[in-house]
Protein backbone atom coordinates (compact mmCIF):
# COMPACT_ATOMS: atom_id res chain seq x y z
CA UNK A 1 64.84 -35.58 -26.41
CA UNK A 2 62.63 -32.53 -25.95
CA UNK A 3 62.51 -29.29 -27.88
CA UNK A 4 61.18 -25.95 -26.77
CA UNK A 5 58.87 -24.95 -29.61
CA UNK A 6 57.25 -21.97 -27.94
CA UNK A 7 59.04 -19.55 -30.24
CA UNK A 8 58.50 -21.56 -33.41
CA UNK A 9 55.29 -21.06 -35.39
CA UNK A 10 53.36 -23.90 -36.95
CA UNK A 11 54.35 -22.68 -40.42
CA UNK A 12 58.08 -22.64 -39.84
CA UNK A 13 59.73 -24.73 -42.52
CA UNK A 14 62.43 -25.83 -40.10
CA UNK A 15 59.85 -27.79 -38.10
CA UNK A 16 58.13 -29.52 -41.01
CA UNK A 17 58.20 -33.31 -41.01
CA UNK A 18 57.97 -33.54 -44.79
CA UNK A 19 60.56 -31.70 -46.90
CA UNK A 20 57.70 -30.77 -49.22
CA UNK A 21 56.36 -28.52 -46.48
CA UNK A 22 59.80 -27.60 -45.22
CA UNK A 23 62.90 -27.39 -47.39
CA UNK A 24 60.97 -27.26 -50.66
CA UNK A 25 57.92 -25.34 -49.49
CA UNK A 26 58.70 -22.15 -51.43
CA UNK A 27 59.04 -24.15 -54.65
CA UNK A 28 55.66 -25.83 -54.18
CA UNK A 29 53.60 -22.99 -52.77
CA UNK A 30 51.25 -22.96 -55.77
CA UNK A 31 50.27 -26.59 -55.13
CA UNK A 32 48.91 -25.92 -51.67
CA UNK A 33 45.54 -24.60 -52.79
CA UNK A 34 44.95 -27.80 -54.76
CA UNK A 35 46.45 -30.69 -52.80
CA UNK A 36 46.01 -29.53 -49.20
CA UNK A 37 43.10 -30.44 -46.98
CA UNK A 38 41.80 -26.96 -47.71
CA UNK A 39 41.96 -27.81 -51.42
CA UNK A 40 40.01 -31.03 -50.92
CA UNK A 41 37.37 -29.20 -48.87
CA UNK A 42 37.07 -26.54 -51.56
CA UNK A 43 36.45 -29.16 -54.24
CA UNK A 44 33.91 -30.97 -52.05
CA UNK A 45 32.03 -27.71 -51.61
CA UNK A 46 32.14 -27.16 -55.36
CA UNK A 47 30.68 -30.62 -56.06
CA UNK A 48 27.95 -30.26 -53.41
CA UNK A 49 26.93 -26.84 -54.71
CA UNK A 50 26.79 -27.95 -58.32
CA UNK A 51 24.79 -31.08 -57.40
CA UNK A 52 22.20 -28.97 -55.56
CA UNK A 53 21.87 -26.65 -58.56
CA UNK A 54 21.58 -29.63 -60.93
CA UNK A 55 18.87 -31.19 -58.75
CA UNK A 56 16.89 -27.99 -58.70
CA UNK A 57 17.01 -27.69 -62.47
CA UNK A 58 16.63 -31.30 -63.64
CA UNK A 59 15.71 -33.48 -60.67
CA UNK A 60 11.94 -33.53 -61.26
CA UNK A 61 11.52 -32.71 -57.60
CA UNK A 62 8.63 -30.31 -56.79
CA UNK A 63 10.11 -29.92 -53.33
CA UNK A 64 13.33 -28.62 -54.89
CA UNK A 65 12.18 -26.20 -57.62
CA UNK A 66 14.61 -24.38 -59.93
CA UNK A 67 16.67 -21.93 -57.92
CA UNK A 68 16.55 -18.25 -58.75
CA UNK A 69 19.60 -16.56 -60.21
CA UNK A 70 20.06 -14.83 -56.87
CA UNK A 71 20.11 -18.12 -54.96
CA UNK A 72 22.45 -19.69 -57.48
CA UNK A 73 24.73 -16.68 -57.16
CA UNK A 74 24.88 -17.14 -53.38
CA UNK A 75 25.81 -20.80 -53.79
CA UNK A 76 28.35 -20.06 -56.47
CA UNK A 77 29.89 -17.35 -54.33
CA UNK A 78 30.35 -19.82 -51.45
CA UNK A 79 32.16 -22.16 -53.84
CA UNK A 80 34.19 -19.59 -55.77
CA UNK A 81 35.31 -17.64 -52.71
CA UNK A 82 35.93 -20.55 -50.39
CA UNK A 83 38.42 -19.32 -47.80
CA UNK A 84 40.77 -20.64 -45.15
CA UNK A 85 38.25 -19.42 -42.59
CA UNK A 86 35.60 -21.58 -44.28
CA UNK A 87 37.93 -24.57 -44.19
CA UNK A 88 38.62 -23.94 -40.52
CA UNK A 89 34.87 -23.87 -39.86
CA UNK A 90 34.41 -27.21 -41.61
CA UNK A 91 37.29 -28.62 -39.57
CA UNK A 92 35.62 -27.39 -36.39
CA UNK A 93 32.35 -29.04 -37.37
CA UNK A 94 34.21 -32.25 -38.18
CA UNK A 95 35.84 -32.26 -34.74
CA UNK A 96 32.40 -32.63 -33.21
CA UNK A 97 30.88 -35.20 -35.56
CA UNK A 98 34.02 -37.06 -36.70
CA UNK A 99 33.05 -37.11 -40.38
CA UNK A 100 34.78 -34.89 -42.94
CA UNK A 101 32.21 -35.03 -45.77
CA UNK A 102 29.19 -34.64 -43.50
CA UNK A 103 30.93 -31.59 -42.05
CA UNK A 104 30.88 -30.02 -45.53
CA UNK A 105 27.11 -30.64 -45.75
CA UNK A 106 26.53 -29.03 -42.37
CA UNK A 107 28.75 -26.10 -43.34
CA UNK A 108 26.68 -25.45 -46.47
CA UNK A 109 23.44 -25.67 -44.54
CA UNK A 110 24.87 -23.20 -42.07
CA UNK A 111 26.06 -20.79 -44.76
CA UNK A 112 22.73 -20.83 -46.61
CA UNK A 113 20.45 -20.60 -43.57
CA UNK A 114 20.11 -16.82 -43.91
CA UNK A 115 18.44 -17.07 -47.32
CA UNK A 116 14.81 -18.21 -47.22
CA UNK A 117 14.88 -19.78 -50.69
CA UNK A 118 18.01 -21.81 -49.98
CA UNK A 119 16.90 -22.67 -46.46
CA UNK A 120 13.75 -24.20 -47.93
CA UNK A 121 15.80 -26.70 -49.95
CA UNK A 122 18.52 -27.31 -47.35
CA UNK A 123 17.69 -31.04 -47.15
CA UNK A 124 18.60 -31.39 -50.81
CA UNK A 125 22.22 -30.57 -50.01
CA UNK A 126 23.99 -33.95 -50.31
CA UNK A 127 20.69 -35.46 -51.46
CA UNK A 128 20.94 -39.19 -52.23
CA UNK A 129 24.72 -39.08 -51.97
CA UNK A 130 27.16 -41.26 -50.14
CA UNK A 131 30.44 -39.64 -49.10
CA UNK A 132 32.25 -41.40 -51.91
CA UNK A 133 30.00 -39.70 -54.47
CA UNK A 134 31.44 -36.39 -53.34
CA UNK A 135 34.98 -37.64 -52.74
CA UNK A 136 35.54 -39.45 -56.02
CA UNK A 137 34.39 -36.43 -57.98
CA UNK A 138 36.52 -34.08 -55.88
CA UNK A 139 39.64 -36.18 -56.34
CA UNK A 140 38.87 -36.51 -60.03
CA UNK A 141 38.72 -32.73 -60.32
CA UNK A 142 41.96 -32.53 -58.38
CA UNK A 143 43.69 -34.76 -60.94
CA UNK A 144 42.24 -32.83 -63.88
CA UNK A 145 43.45 -29.55 -62.39
CA UNK A 146 46.88 -30.96 -61.57
CA UNK A 147 47.27 -32.21 -65.12
CA UNK A 148 46.15 -28.96 -66.72
CA UNK A 149 47.75 -26.40 -64.43
CA UNK A 150 50.92 -28.10 -63.20
CA UNK A 151 52.05 -31.40 -64.72
CA UNK A 152 51.69 -30.75 -68.45
CA UNK A 153 52.95 -27.13 -68.22
CA UNK A 154 56.01 -28.30 -66.25
CA UNK A 155 56.72 -30.98 -68.84
CA UNK A 156 56.22 -28.46 -71.63
CA UNK A 157 58.83 -26.26 -69.93
CA UNK A 158 61.19 -29.22 -69.84
CA UNK A 159 60.60 -30.00 -73.51
CA UNK A 160 61.16 -26.30 -74.17
CA UNK A 161 64.73 -26.82 -72.99
CA UNK A 162 65.34 -30.26 -74.45
CA UNK A 163 64.15 -29.62 -78.03
CA UNK A 164 66.48 -26.64 -78.65
CA UNK A 165 69.38 -28.66 -77.24
CA UNK A 166 68.53 -31.53 -79.59
CA UNK A 167 68.60 -29.11 -82.53
CA UNK A 168 71.66 -27.19 -81.36
CA UNK A 169 73.78 -30.30 -80.89
CA UNK A 170 72.26 -32.34 -83.70
CA UNK A 171 75.64 -32.70 -85.42
CA UNK A 172 77.86 -32.89 -82.31
CA UNK A 173 79.21 -36.42 -82.62
CA UNK A 174 79.92 -38.54 -79.58
CA UNK A 175 81.07 -42.07 -78.97
CA UNK A 176 78.11 -44.20 -77.99
CA UNK A 177 78.47 -46.76 -75.24
CA UNK A 178 76.58 -50.02 -75.29
CA UNK A 179 77.25 -52.22 -72.26
CA UNK A 180 79.55 -49.39 -71.21
CA UNK A 181 81.89 -50.14 -74.12
CA UNK A 182 82.76 -47.92 -77.11
CA UNK A 183 80.07 -48.38 -79.76
CA UNK A 184 78.63 -46.97 -82.98
CA UNK A 185 78.73 -43.15 -82.72
CA UNK A 186 75.68 -40.98 -82.23
CA UNK A 187 75.25 -37.27 -81.60
CA UNK A 188 74.42 -35.32 -78.46
CA UNK A 189 71.35 -33.93 -80.19
CA UNK A 190 70.04 -37.35 -81.23
CA UNK A 191 70.36 -38.72 -77.70
CA UNK A 192 68.36 -35.77 -76.38
CA UNK A 193 65.84 -36.17 -79.20
CA UNK A 194 65.25 -39.73 -78.02
CA UNK A 195 64.16 -38.39 -74.63
CA UNK A 196 61.94 -35.76 -76.23
CA UNK A 197 60.20 -38.37 -78.35
CA UNK A 198 59.57 -40.63 -75.36
CA UNK A 199 58.21 -37.80 -73.24
CA UNK A 200 55.96 -36.53 -76.03
CA UNK A 201 54.36 -39.94 -76.40
CA UNK A 202 53.57 -40.22 -72.70
CA UNK A 203 52.36 -36.63 -72.50
CA UNK A 204 49.90 -37.28 -75.32
CA UNK A 205 48.57 -40.28 -73.41
CA UNK A 206 48.28 -38.26 -70.21
CA UNK A 207 46.49 -35.41 -71.96
CA UNK A 208 44.04 -37.81 -73.63
CA UNK A 209 43.28 -39.86 -70.52
CA UNK A 210 39.73 -39.54 -69.19
CA UNK A 211 39.30 -39.56 -65.43
CA UNK A 212 36.20 -41.45 -64.29
CA UNK A 213 33.59 -40.33 -61.81
CA UNK A 214 30.33 -41.60 -60.37
CA UNK A 215 27.30 -40.45 -58.42
CA UNK A 216 25.03 -43.41 -57.70
CA UNK A 217 24.65 -43.87 -53.96
CA UNK A 218 25.79 -46.20 -51.24
CA UNK A 219 26.14 -49.39 -53.30
CA UNK A 220 26.22 -47.94 -56.78
CA UNK A 221 22.58 -48.72 -57.62
CA UNK A 222 20.76 -45.41 -56.93
CA UNK A 223 18.73 -47.25 -54.25
CA UNK A 224 17.71 -44.29 -52.09
CA UNK A 225 17.21 -41.99 -55.07
CA UNK A 226 14.85 -44.47 -56.75
CA UNK A 227 12.76 -44.77 -53.59
CA UNK A 228 12.64 -41.01 -53.01
CA UNK A 229 11.80 -40.06 -56.60
CA UNK A 230 11.19 -43.04 -58.94
CA UNK A 231 10.00 -40.80 -61.78
CA UNK A 232 13.43 -39.16 -62.18
CA UNK A 233 15.87 -40.67 -64.69
CA UNK A 234 18.70 -40.86 -62.17
CA UNK A 235 21.23 -42.49 -64.47
CA UNK A 236 20.75 -39.74 -67.04
CA UNK A 237 20.99 -37.05 -64.38
CA UNK A 238 24.08 -38.67 -62.87
CA UNK A 239 25.77 -38.92 -66.25
CA UNK A 240 24.96 -35.32 -67.12
CA UNK A 241 26.30 -34.15 -63.78
CA UNK A 242 29.56 -36.11 -63.96
CA UNK A 243 30.05 -35.04 -67.58
CA UNK A 244 29.47 -31.40 -66.62
CA UNK A 245 32.46 -31.63 -64.27
CA UNK A 246 34.73 -32.74 -67.12
CA UNK A 247 34.91 -36.33 -65.85
CA UNK A 248 33.83 -39.52 -67.59
CA UNK A 249 30.71 -41.09 -66.10
CA UNK A 250 31.19 -44.61 -64.79
CA UNK A 251 27.83 -46.47 -64.61
CA UNK A 252 29.21 -49.61 -62.95
CA UNK A 253 30.58 -49.19 -59.45
CA UNK A 254 30.20 -50.40 -55.90
CA UNK A 255 30.00 -47.70 -53.25
CA UNK A 256 33.31 -46.42 -54.58
CA UNK A 257 34.37 -45.51 -58.08
CA UNK A 258 36.97 -48.26 -58.61
CA UNK A 259 39.82 -45.84 -59.36
CA UNK A 260 40.96 -47.69 -62.48
CA UNK A 261 41.37 -44.43 -64.38
CA UNK A 262 43.42 -43.05 -61.48
CA UNK A 263 45.67 -46.10 -61.74
CA UNK A 264 46.06 -45.40 -65.45
CA UNK A 265 46.88 -41.75 -64.72
CA UNK A 266 49.51 -42.75 -62.15
CA UNK A 267 50.97 -45.39 -64.48
CA UNK A 268 51.56 -42.74 -67.15
CA UNK A 269 53.20 -40.48 -64.58
CA UNK A 270 55.42 -43.38 -63.53
CA UNK A 271 56.51 -43.91 -67.13
CA UNK A 272 57.28 -40.21 -67.50
CA UNK A 273 59.28 -40.28 -64.28
CA UNK A 274 61.09 -43.45 -65.34
CA UNK A 275 62.09 -41.87 -68.65
CA UNK A 276 63.53 -38.95 -66.71
CA UNK A 277 65.34 -41.22 -64.26
CA UNK A 278 66.95 -42.85 -67.28
CA UNK A 279 67.89 -39.43 -68.63
CA UNK A 280 69.29 -38.19 -65.31
CA UNK A 281 71.47 -41.27 -64.95
CA UNK A 282 72.78 -40.91 -68.48
CA UNK A 283 73.62 -37.25 -67.98
CA UNK A 284 75.24 -38.06 -64.64
CA UNK A 285 77.39 -40.67 -66.39
CA UNK A 286 78.34 -38.31 -69.20
CA UNK A 287 79.35 -35.68 -66.68
CA UNK A 288 81.48 -38.31 -64.93
CA UNK A 289 83.14 -39.09 -68.29
CA UNK A 290 83.67 -35.35 -68.78
CA UNK A 291 81.50 -35.40 -71.90
CA UNK A 292 79.79 -32.37 -70.37
CA UNK A 293 81.31 -29.38 -68.60
CA UNK A 294 79.35 -27.98 -65.68
CA UNK A 295 79.08 -24.24 -65.40
CA UNK A 296 80.23 -22.96 -62.03
CA UNK A 297 78.90 -20.23 -59.78
CA UNK A 298 81.45 -18.35 -57.69
CA UNK A 299 79.30 -18.48 -54.56
CA UNK A 300 78.63 -22.22 -54.66
CA UNK A 301 80.45 -24.95 -52.77
CA UNK A 302 80.66 -28.46 -54.20
CA UNK A 303 82.05 -30.25 -51.17
CA UNK A 304 82.60 -29.52 -47.50
CA UNK A 305 86.21 -30.72 -47.77
CA UNK A 306 87.15 -30.93 -51.46
CA UNK A 307 87.23 -27.41 -52.95
CA UNK A 308 87.54 -28.62 -56.53
CA UNK A 309 84.19 -30.41 -56.64
CA UNK A 310 81.33 -29.39 -58.97
CA UNK A 311 78.63 -31.95 -58.32
CA UNK A 312 75.74 -32.78 -60.69
CA UNK A 313 73.31 -32.20 -57.83
CA UNK A 314 70.34 -31.12 -59.95
CA UNK A 315 70.24 -34.46 -61.75
CA UNK A 316 70.90 -36.36 -58.53
CA UNK A 317 68.13 -34.53 -56.68
CA UNK A 318 65.79 -35.12 -59.60
CA UNK A 319 66.56 -38.84 -59.62
CA UNK A 320 65.86 -39.07 -55.89
CA UNK A 321 62.57 -37.20 -56.12
CA UNK A 322 61.46 -39.20 -59.15
CA UNK A 323 62.15 -42.40 -57.22
CA UNK A 324 60.04 -41.28 -54.27
CA UNK A 325 57.26 -40.18 -56.62
CA UNK A 326 57.25 -43.53 -58.39
CA UNK A 327 57.24 -45.49 -55.14
CA UNK A 328 54.10 -43.64 -54.06
CA UNK A 329 52.47 -43.75 -57.49
CA UNK A 330 53.13 -47.47 -57.79
CA UNK A 331 51.48 -48.12 -54.43
CA UNK A 332 48.51 -45.96 -55.41
CA UNK A 333 48.11 -47.65 -58.78
CA UNK A 334 48.09 -51.07 -57.13
CA UNK A 335 46.10 -50.22 -54.02
CA UNK A 336 43.35 -47.87 -55.14
CA UNK A 337 41.53 -50.28 -57.51
CA UNK A 338 41.22 -52.78 -54.62
CA UNK A 339 38.44 -52.39 -52.06
CA UNK A 340 36.94 -55.10 -49.84
CA UNK A 341 33.43 -56.01 -50.97
CA UNK A 342 31.42 -52.87 -51.64
CA UNK A 343 33.59 -50.48 -49.63
CA UNK A 344 36.44 -50.12 -47.20
CA UNK A 345 38.33 -47.02 -46.17
CA UNK A 346 41.84 -48.21 -46.90
CA UNK A 347 41.91 -45.89 -49.91
CA UNK A 348 41.26 -42.75 -47.88
CA UNK A 349 44.77 -42.04 -46.59
CA UNK A 350 46.26 -43.13 -49.91
CA UNK A 351 44.16 -40.64 -51.85
CA UNK A 352 45.21 -37.85 -49.51
CA UNK A 353 48.82 -38.44 -50.61
CA UNK A 354 48.24 -37.93 -54.34
CA UNK A 355 49.66 -34.45 -54.05
CA UNK A 356 52.78 -35.74 -52.31
CA UNK A 357 53.59 -38.05 -55.22
CA UNK A 358 52.88 -35.40 -57.84
CA UNK A 359 54.83 -32.75 -55.92
CA UNK A 360 57.97 -34.90 -55.81
CA UNK A 361 57.71 -35.35 -59.58
CA UNK A 362 57.26 -31.63 -60.16
CA UNK A 363 60.30 -30.90 -57.99
CA UNK A 364 62.29 -33.25 -60.18
CA UNK A 365 61.12 -31.61 -63.41
CA UNK A 366 62.31 -28.26 -62.04
CA UNK A 367 65.66 -29.70 -60.99
CA UNK A 368 66.28 -31.18 -64.43
CA UNK A 369 65.39 -27.88 -66.06
CA UNK A 370 67.88 -26.09 -63.85
CA UNK A 371 70.55 -28.72 -64.44
CA UNK A 372 70.22 -28.44 -68.21
CA UNK A 373 71.09 -24.74 -68.04
CA UNK A 374 74.40 -25.60 -66.38
CA UNK A 375 75.91 -28.18 -68.73
CA UNK A 376 77.74 -27.79 -72.04
CA UNK A 377 79.22 -30.52 -74.25
CA UNK A 378 82.98 -30.91 -74.01
CA UNK A 379 83.47 -30.96 -77.77
CA UNK A 380 87.26 -31.22 -77.60
CA UNK A 381 87.08 -34.39 -75.52
CA UNK A 382 84.28 -35.86 -77.61
CA UNK A 383 86.31 -35.37 -80.76
CA UNK A 384 89.49 -36.72 -79.22
CA UNK A 385 87.78 -39.82 -77.87
CA UNK A 386 86.20 -40.62 -81.20
CA UNK A 387 89.62 -40.40 -82.83
CA UNK A 388 90.96 -42.98 -80.39
CA UNK A 389 88.46 -45.67 -81.39
CA UNK A 390 88.73 -46.49 -85.06
CA UNK A 391 87.75 -50.06 -84.26
CA UNK A 392 84.11 -48.97 -84.16
CA UNK A 393 84.25 -48.79 -87.96
CA UNK A 394 84.40 -52.59 -88.00
CA UNK A 395 80.60 -52.47 -88.16
CA UNK A 396 80.24 -50.63 -91.50
CA UNK A 397 83.18 -52.47 -93.03
CA UNK A 398 81.78 -55.93 -92.33
CA UNK A 399 78.31 -54.81 -93.43
CA UNK A 400 79.68 -53.58 -96.77
CA UNK A 401 81.61 -56.84 -97.18
CA UNK A 402 78.37 -58.75 -96.69
CA UNK A 403 76.68 -56.66 -99.36
CA UNK A 404 79.42 -57.63 -101.80
CA UNK A 405 79.09 -61.30 -100.94
CA UNK A 406 82.38 -61.69 -99.08
CA UNK A 407 82.14 -64.77 -96.87
CA UNK A 408 82.87 -64.64 -93.15
CA UNK A 409 82.82 -60.85 -93.23
CA UNK A 410 81.87 -60.57 -89.56
CA UNK A 411 84.56 -63.02 -88.51
CA UNK A 412 87.26 -61.16 -90.44
CA UNK A 413 86.50 -57.95 -88.56
CA UNK A 414 86.13 -59.80 -85.27
CA UNK A 415 89.62 -61.22 -85.61
CA UNK A 416 90.97 -57.76 -86.37
CA UNK A 417 89.20 -55.69 -83.74
CA UNK A 418 87.55 -57.60 -80.87
CA UNK A 419 88.92 -56.32 -77.58
CA UNK A 420 91.50 -54.21 -79.37
CA UNK A 421 92.07 -50.53 -80.05
CA UNK A 422 92.78 -49.96 -83.73
CA UNK A 423 94.49 -46.94 -85.23
CA UNK A 424 93.47 -45.16 -88.40
CA UNK A 425 96.52 -46.38 -90.29
CA UNK A 426 96.04 -50.00 -89.23
CA UNK A 427 92.40 -49.92 -90.29
CA UNK A 428 93.20 -48.35 -93.68
CA UNK A 429 95.88 -50.97 -94.29
CA UNK A 430 93.29 -53.67 -93.63
CA UNK A 431 90.68 -51.99 -95.85
CA UNK A 432 93.07 -51.87 -98.78
CA UNK A 433 93.46 -55.68 -98.62
CA UNK A 434 89.75 -56.33 -98.91
CA UNK A 435 88.22 -57.90 -102.06
CA UNK A 436 86.02 -54.87 -102.73
CA UNK A 437 85.64 -52.52 -105.69
CA UNK A 438 88.09 -49.62 -105.52
CA UNK A 439 85.23 -47.14 -105.04
CA UNK A 440 84.02 -49.06 -101.99
CA UNK A 441 87.50 -49.18 -100.44
CA UNK A 442 87.89 -45.46 -101.13
CA UNK A 443 84.54 -44.70 -99.43
CA UNK A 444 85.55 -46.74 -96.38
CA UNK A 445 88.87 -44.93 -96.14
CA UNK A 446 87.04 -41.58 -96.12
CA UNK A 447 84.88 -42.70 -93.22
CA UNK A 448 85.89 -41.52 -89.74
CA UNK A 449 84.45 -42.25 -86.30
CA UNK A 450 83.21 -38.63 -86.14
CA UNK A 451 81.45 -38.85 -89.51
CA UNK A 452 79.97 -42.29 -88.90
CA UNK A 453 76.74 -41.04 -87.31
CA UNK A 454 74.16 -42.23 -89.82
CA UNK A 455 70.94 -40.20 -89.72
CA UNK A 456 71.52 -38.91 -86.19
CA UNK A 457 71.71 -35.27 -87.23
CA UNK A 458 68.60 -35.48 -89.38
CA UNK A 459 66.64 -37.25 -86.65
CA UNK A 460 67.68 -34.73 -84.02
CA UNK A 461 66.74 -31.75 -86.16
CA UNK A 462 63.38 -33.29 -87.01
CA UNK A 463 62.17 -33.72 -83.41
């Protein structure tokens, strides 16, 4: 099959292989400057520039004296105003030498050649560095930025919807279902509060996680740096440099930083995504049970043949995207800490897909947010269903019998209720035969499935 693409531009979403760059492109436009090849180049330039400035200030290198404010400003301007044209130039250089990081070095030498001061220290660009020194720090900065600017804010937005729902529906009783069967009641708000609590715990771990970085040469031992300038305290300088980027210095590496902290980062994201998969499936099930109404939009279509359909597509789309994200994150978490001997390049393509995994997760967070605005508890059904299952009060009855020392309390209620639907009158008749104080029997008779929610309301309001 052939397709005439002469009238289709390279940026047309209809021709994108990945839906991230096609169908969902408009929703992810802000991620492009970070996770694209342009974004990686920009971060590499930033690391190279800052390393040159650090060397000039603290490297104890007479041949690379402290740079003037003017020279530093030129370097900083190259980094701060890195453009698509700059990225294209690096790509052009790479096409001739077939090395992406070396192309960044040559680009910087080219851009600084017009300044005599910078030209005099041009050989200190990428000084003592292996490509992985630049790459690991660039990817580390990418993860820090993603966490700060995209992941945590998106999760905060999601919590900003979930918490008010937990409070609003704190007292809205619903029949719980364990093993799919009617079980001890809970409330809508408490079930949402459970999700909030789980997410908050993982978000705290993600926010506190330190991302490691290294700058120590081709085998992790500062070999070339020690030969070139043995009087410099390279470990101290390396630590200060990595720390200045907001990363945690790792003193023990091979040629590559072993990516253990990346694996930890991805593992937390997987747990967050898994919590949300669990939530999406629960909401999907509750919608199927008609526990939730879905708000309709007049212009929408739910099915190509069944006009009545209102599908829970936001939660379904979220579940699908979360699954893709976790598949990629799981591979990254397992693969990236493994490298043959001191270095192989099997991590390179994997690292370039970090943004793909994170983008699928962010799409899902947005879908869930949108879905939450379109559901409302079906309180009439919830109340009616609770009233049809008085057998769930077998639990408090047998527990109270135990407190009062009645033997075989569990078995008495099992004989009465297991696999059966019990009416209010039948249960009250049974209660009045029990060898309990009158006050206890009276309290049990006042209990209803709708009121038997324990501390659910309090817990939901407290979240």
